[in-house]
């Protein structure tokens, strides 16, 4: 499912126009992104949690030369599925 298909599905499920569904989806992603940038997590009970995971600096290898190199520390987004979501899939 791509973004356009998701917008269409949201519009149909919620009885909204596609334009309103697109605004709602954009607002949701903007709010989640803003909270994660601040280091906060967004928890939707029954669905899951969006949070930031921090990866420390580590040593890796250049795949072309095999030379050791340092990989700098970074932050990465993470989603952990909630119990209700996991249970609905099984």
Protein backbone atom coordinates (compact mmCIF):
# COMPACT_ATOMS: atom_id res chain seq x y z
CA UNK A 1 0.00 0.00 0.00
CA UNK A 2 1.44 3.35 -0.98
CA UNK A 3 0.56 6.81 0.37
CA UNK A 4 -2.22 7.48 -2.16
CA UNK A 5 -3.85 4.11 -1.41
CA UNK A 6 -3.57 4.78 2.33
CA UNK A 7 -5.24 8.18 1.93
CA UNK A 8 -8.06 6.60 -0.09
CA UNK A 9 -8.55 3.86 2.53
CA UNK A 10 -8.61 6.39 5.39
CA UNK A 11 -11.11 8.55 3.51
CA UNK A 12 -13.40 5.59 2.92
CA UNK A 13 -13.12 4.19 6.46
CA UNK A 14 -13.67 7.55 8.19
CA UNK A 15 -16.21 8.96 5.73
CA UNK A 16 -13.94 11.89 4.82
CA UNK A 17 -13.00 13.43 1.54
CA UNK A 18 -9.62 12.41 0.17
CA UNK A 19 -8.38 15.97 0.71
CA UNK A 20 -9.37 15.87 4.42
CA UNK A 21 -7.86 12.40 4.84
CA UNK A 22 -4.61 13.65 3.29
CA UNK A 23 -4.56 16.62 5.71
CA UNK A 24 -5.16 14.28 8.65
CA UNK A 25 -2.39 11.91 7.57
CA UNK A 26 0.04 14.81 7.04
CA UNK A 27 -0.84 16.26 10.46
CA UNK A 28 -0.27 12.86 12.08
CA UNK A 29 3.15 12.35 10.45
CA UNK A 30 4.18 15.95 11.22
CA UNK A 31 3.27 15.63 14.91
CA UNK A 32 4.99 12.24 15.28
CA UNK A 33 8.11 13.59 13.53
CA UNK A 34 8.20 16.73 15.70
CA UNK A 35 7.87 14.73 18.91
CA UNK A 36 10.58 12.28 17.86
CA UNK A 37 12.92 15.18 16.99
CA UNK A 38 12.47 16.38 20.58
CA UNK A 39 13.41 12.91 21.81
CA UNK A 40 9.86 12.11 22.91
CA UNK A 41 8.03 8.90 22.15
CA UNK A 42 4.50 8.67 20.75
CA UNK A 43 2.51 5.80 22.24
CA UNK A 44 -0.78 4.68 20.72
CA UNK A 45 -2.21 2.10 23.11
CA UNK A 46 -3.12 -1.08 21.28
CA UNK A 47 -1.26 -0.04 18.11
CA UNK A 48 2.33 0.66 19.03
CA UNK A 49 5.02 3.13 19.99
CA UNK A 50 7.13 5.40 17.80
CA UNK A 51 10.44 6.32 19.43
CA UNK A 52 14.01 7.36 18.75
CA UNK A 53 16.79 4.82 19.18
CA UNK A 54 20.34 6.06 19.66
CA UNK A 55 23.22 4.15 18.14
CA UNK A 56 26.66 4.77 19.57
CA UNK A 57 29.85 5.29 17.61
CA UNK A 58 31.30 1.99 16.47
CA UNK A 59 33.99 0.53 14.31
CA UNK A 60 33.07 -0.93 10.94
CA UNK A 61 34.86 -1.97 7.78
CA UNK A 62 34.90 -0.43 4.33
CA UNK A 63 33.34 -3.20 2.21
CA UNK A 64 35.50 -2.34 -0.83
CA UNK A 65 38.89 -2.22 0.88
CA UNK A 66 38.33 -4.08 4.15
CA UNK A 67 39.91 -1.11 5.98
CA UNK A 68 38.60 -0.41 9.49
CA UNK A 69 36.70 2.86 9.84
CA UNK A 70 34.67 4.64 12.50
CA UNK A 71 30.90 4.89 12.00
CA UNK A 72 29.62 7.97 13.82
CA UNK A 73 26.84 7.91 16.39
CA UNK A 74 23.33 8.44 15.02
CA UNK A 75 19.67 8.50 15.94
CA UNK A 76 17.19 6.28 14.13
CA UNK A 77 13.38 6.05 14.26
CA UNK A 78 11.88 2.90 15.73
CA UNK A 79 8.40 1.43 15.87
CA UNK A 80 7.45 -1.20 18.41
CA UNK A 81 4.11 -2.90 17.72
CA UNK A 82 1.62 -3.07 20.58
CA UNK A 83 0.12 -6.28 21.92
CA UNK A 84 -3.30 -5.74 20.32
CA UNK A 85 -1.71 -5.22 16.89
CA UNK A 86 0.46 -8.32 17.27
CA UNK A 87 -2.51 -10.38 18.44
CA UNK A 88 -4.67 -9.25 15.52
CA UNK A 89 -2.06 -10.56 13.06
CA UNK A 90 -1.94 -14.05 14.54
